[in-house]
N, C-alpha and C. Protein backbone atom coordinates (compact mmCIF):
# COMPACT_ATOMS: atom_id res chain seq x y z
N MET A 1 8.33 27.97 16.15
CA MET A 1 8.78 27.40 15.04
C MET A 1 8.70 25.89 15.14
N SER A 2 9.13 25.43 16.27
CA SER A 2 8.95 23.86 16.36
C SER A 2 7.59 23.55 16.19
N ALA A 3 6.72 24.26 16.67
CA ALA A 3 5.07 23.83 16.67
C ALA A 3 4.78 23.61 15.22
N TRP A 4 5.26 24.47 14.53
CA TRP A 4 5.02 24.50 12.96
C TRP A 4 5.45 23.14 12.40
N PHE A 5 6.70 22.78 12.68
CA PHE A 5 7.35 21.56 12.24
C PHE A 5 6.55 20.41 12.71
N ALA A 6 6.31 20.33 14.10
CA ALA A 6 5.38 19.15 14.67
C ALA A 6 4.07 19.12 13.83
N GLU A 7 3.46 20.19 13.37
CA GLU A 7 2.18 20.04 12.59
C GLU A 7 2.50 19.63 11.09
N ILE A 8 3.51 20.12 10.68
CA ILE A 8 3.81 19.54 9.30
C ILE A 8 4.12 18.10 9.41
N PHE A 9 4.81 17.48 10.48
CA PHE A 9 5.23 16.32 10.51
C PHE A 9 3.87 15.39 10.64
N VAL A 10 2.96 15.69 11.41
CA VAL A 10 1.59 15.11 11.64
C VAL A 10 0.96 14.96 10.46
N ALA A 11 0.85 16.20 9.68
CA ALA A 11 0.21 16.15 8.25
C ALA A 11 0.88 15.13 7.32
N VAL A 12 2.26 15.19 7.22
CA VAL A 12 2.98 14.14 6.41
C VAL A 12 2.63 12.65 6.70
N GLU A 13 3.00 12.51 8.10
CA GLU A 13 2.64 11.07 8.52
C GLU A 13 1.25 10.60 8.25
N PHE A 14 0.24 11.34 8.24
CA PHE A 14 -1.10 11.04 8.10
C PHE A 14 -1.20 10.84 6.69
N THR A 15 -0.52 11.64 5.56
CA THR A 15 -0.68 11.29 4.25
C THR A 15 0.05 10.36 3.73
N VAL A 16 1.13 9.91 4.55
CA VAL A 16 1.83 8.70 4.14
C VAL A 16 1.14 7.47 4.32
N THR A 17 0.32 7.48 5.69
CA THR A 17 -0.28 6.38 6.25
C THR A 17 -1.54 6.08 5.16
N LEU A 18 -2.30 7.36 5.05
CA LEU A 18 -3.26 7.21 3.79
C LEU A 18 -2.95 6.42 2.59
N LEU A 19 -1.90 7.01 2.05
CA LEU A 19 -1.52 6.47 0.70
C LEU A 19 -1.08 5.07 0.78
N LEU A 20 -0.49 4.61 1.80
CA LEU A 20 0.01 3.31 2.00
C LEU A 20 -1.30 2.34 2.21
N LEU A 21 -2.28 2.87 2.98
CA LEU A 21 -3.40 1.97 3.07
C LEU A 21 -4.28 1.93 1.69
N VAL A 22 -4.44 2.96 1.08
CA VAL A 22 -5.05 2.98 -0.08
C VAL A 22 -4.36 2.04 -1.38
N THR A 23 -3.07 2.18 -1.33
CA THR A 23 -2.17 1.37 -2.14
C THR A 23 -2.32 -0.21 -1.74
N THR A 24 -2.40 -0.29 -0.42
CA THR A 24 -2.53 -1.92 -0.12
C THR A 24 -3.95 -2.39 -0.70
N LEU A 25 -4.79 -1.73 -0.30
CA LEU A 25 -6.14 -2.01 -0.57
C LEU A 25 -6.43 -2.18 -2.15
N VAL A 26 -6.01 -1.38 -2.81
CA VAL A 26 -5.90 -1.36 -4.28
C VAL A 26 -5.31 -2.59 -4.97
N ALA A 27 -4.01 -2.76 -4.53
CA ALA A 27 -3.23 -3.89 -4.89
C ALA A 27 -3.72 -5.21 -4.56
N ALA A 28 -4.59 -5.31 -3.44
CA ALA A 28 -5.24 -6.60 -3.10
C ALA A 28 -6.43 -6.62 -4.04
N ILE A 29 -7.27 -5.92 -4.11
CA ILE A 29 -8.43 -5.87 -4.97
C ILE A 29 -7.94 -6.21 -6.32
N CYS A 30 -6.76 -5.55 -7.01
CA CYS A 30 -6.37 -6.00 -8.36
C CYS A 30 -5.85 -7.34 -8.49
N ALA A 31 -5.40 -7.98 -7.39
CA ALA A 31 -4.94 -9.33 -7.27
C ALA A 31 -5.95 -10.32 -7.23
N ILE A 32 -7.30 -9.67 -6.80
CA ILE A 32 -8.25 -10.54 -7.00
C ILE A 32 -9.04 -10.63 -8.17
N VAL A 33 -9.30 -9.45 -8.90
CA VAL A 33 -9.88 -9.24 -9.95
C VAL A 33 -8.96 -9.02 -11.00
N VAL A 34 -8.76 -10.09 -11.79
CA VAL A 34 -7.87 -9.99 -12.81
C VAL A 34 -8.74 -10.46 -14.18
N PRO A 35 -8.70 -9.48 -15.34
CA PRO A 35 -9.36 -9.98 -16.46
C PRO A 35 -9.30 -11.34 -16.92
N LYS A 36 -10.52 -11.95 -17.47
CA LYS A 36 -10.78 -13.18 -18.04
C LYS A 36 -9.96 -13.20 -19.37
N ALA A 37 -9.99 -12.18 -20.01
CA ALA A 37 -9.41 -12.27 -21.44
C ALA A 37 -7.88 -12.38 -21.49
N LEU A 38 -7.18 -12.58 -20.38
CA LEU A 38 -5.77 -12.91 -20.39
C LEU A 38 -5.64 -14.42 -20.33
N THR A 39 -4.54 -14.92 -20.73
CA THR A 39 -4.50 -16.41 -20.68
C THR A 39 -4.17 -16.79 -19.13
N ALA A 40 -4.07 -17.98 -18.88
CA ALA A 40 -3.82 -18.55 -17.41
C ALA A 40 -2.56 -18.14 -16.79
N GLU A 41 -1.64 -18.28 -17.77
CA GLU A 41 -0.25 -17.80 -17.35
C GLU A 41 -0.12 -16.39 -17.10
N GLN A 42 -0.82 -15.50 -18.06
CA GLN A 42 -0.72 -14.13 -17.62
C GLN A 42 -1.51 -13.72 -16.43
N ARG A 43 -2.77 -14.16 -16.27
CA ARG A 43 -3.37 -14.03 -15.05
C ARG A 43 -2.74 -14.46 -13.77
N PHE A 44 -1.94 -15.53 -13.89
CA PHE A 44 -1.04 -16.02 -12.63
C PHE A 44 0.06 -14.83 -12.48
N GLU A 45 0.82 -14.49 -13.57
CA GLU A 45 1.55 -13.44 -13.36
C GLU A 45 1.08 -12.13 -12.78
N LYS A 46 -0.09 -11.75 -13.28
CA LYS A 46 -0.78 -10.45 -12.66
C LYS A 46 -0.99 -10.60 -11.33
N ARG A 47 -1.62 -11.92 -10.97
CA ARG A 47 -1.93 -12.10 -9.53
C ARG A 47 -0.70 -12.00 -8.62
N LEU A 48 0.48 -12.71 -9.17
CA LEU A 48 1.66 -12.71 -8.29
C LEU A 48 2.21 -11.29 -8.17
N GLU A 49 2.21 -10.43 -9.34
CA GLU A 49 2.78 -9.22 -9.23
C GLU A 49 1.80 -8.33 -8.10
N TYR A 50 0.72 -8.29 -8.28
CA TYR A 50 -0.19 -7.51 -7.43
C TYR A 50 -0.04 -8.07 -5.68
N THR A 51 -0.02 -9.31 -5.73
CA THR A 51 0.15 -9.94 -4.39
C THR A 51 1.35 -9.46 -3.65
N VAL A 52 2.58 -9.52 -4.44
CA VAL A 52 3.84 -9.03 -3.84
C VAL A 52 3.61 -7.63 -3.57
N PHE A 53 3.25 -6.74 -4.54
CA PHE A 53 3.11 -5.40 -4.26
C PHE A 53 2.21 -5.05 -3.08
N ALA A 54 1.01 -5.80 -3.00
CA ALA A 54 0.16 -5.57 -1.75
C ALA A 54 0.89 -6.05 -0.53
N ILE A 55 1.57 -7.06 -0.51
CA ILE A 55 2.31 -7.51 0.86
C ILE A 55 3.43 -6.44 0.96
N GLY A 56 4.16 -5.88 0.06
CA GLY A 56 5.16 -4.79 0.36
C GLY A 56 4.47 -3.60 0.96
N ALA A 57 3.45 -3.19 0.45
CA ALA A 57 2.72 -2.01 0.91
C ALA A 57 2.15 -2.25 2.39
N ALA A 58 1.64 -3.45 2.51
CA ALA A 58 1.08 -3.77 3.93
C ALA A 58 2.28 -3.84 4.87
N VAL A 59 3.36 -4.34 4.57
CA VAL A 59 4.35 -4.43 5.56
C VAL A 59 4.91 -2.87 5.77
N LEU A 60 5.19 -2.05 4.63
CA LEU A 60 5.31 -0.60 4.98
C LEU A 60 4.34 0.26 5.69
N LEU A 61 2.96 -0.18 5.73
CA LEU A 61 1.93 0.51 6.41
C LEU A 61 2.22 -0.21 8.01
N ALA A 62 2.34 -1.46 8.05
CA ALA A 62 2.59 -1.83 9.59
C ALA A 62 3.78 -1.07 10.12
N LEU A 63 4.72 -0.94 9.38
CA LEU A 63 5.95 -0.23 9.99
C LEU A 63 5.64 1.22 10.22
N VAL A 64 4.92 1.75 9.47
CA VAL A 64 4.47 3.22 9.71
C VAL A 64 3.54 3.32 11.07
N LEU A 65 2.68 2.41 11.06
CA LEU A 65 1.46 2.39 12.12
C LEU A 65 2.11 1.99 13.57
N PHE A 66 3.08 0.99 13.56
CA PHE A 66 3.46 0.44 14.66
C PHE A 66 4.79 0.50 15.15
N ALA A 67 5.54 1.52 14.26
CA ALA A 67 6.98 1.85 14.81
C ALA A 67 7.10 2.71 16.04
N PRO A 68 7.83 2.47 16.68
CA PRO A 68 8.08 3.50 18.00
C PRO A 68 8.35 4.80 17.78
N ARG A 69 7.97 5.81 18.14
CA ARG A 69 8.04 7.29 17.98
C ARG A 69 8.91 7.82 19.15
């Protein structure tokens, strides 16, 4: 029974790590590629939002990857 839990934990850990990695990359790309149709203020706000989101996701990813087990 404990081997089953260990395998489930590994699968969940891999899934969370992968989702955090993808989230970080997508948010970073979105912060770089902002539509030109927006005004300068709206582009700044979008870049700020995506940058903060990318930094938060990167911090969570680092915690998952480097936290002692």
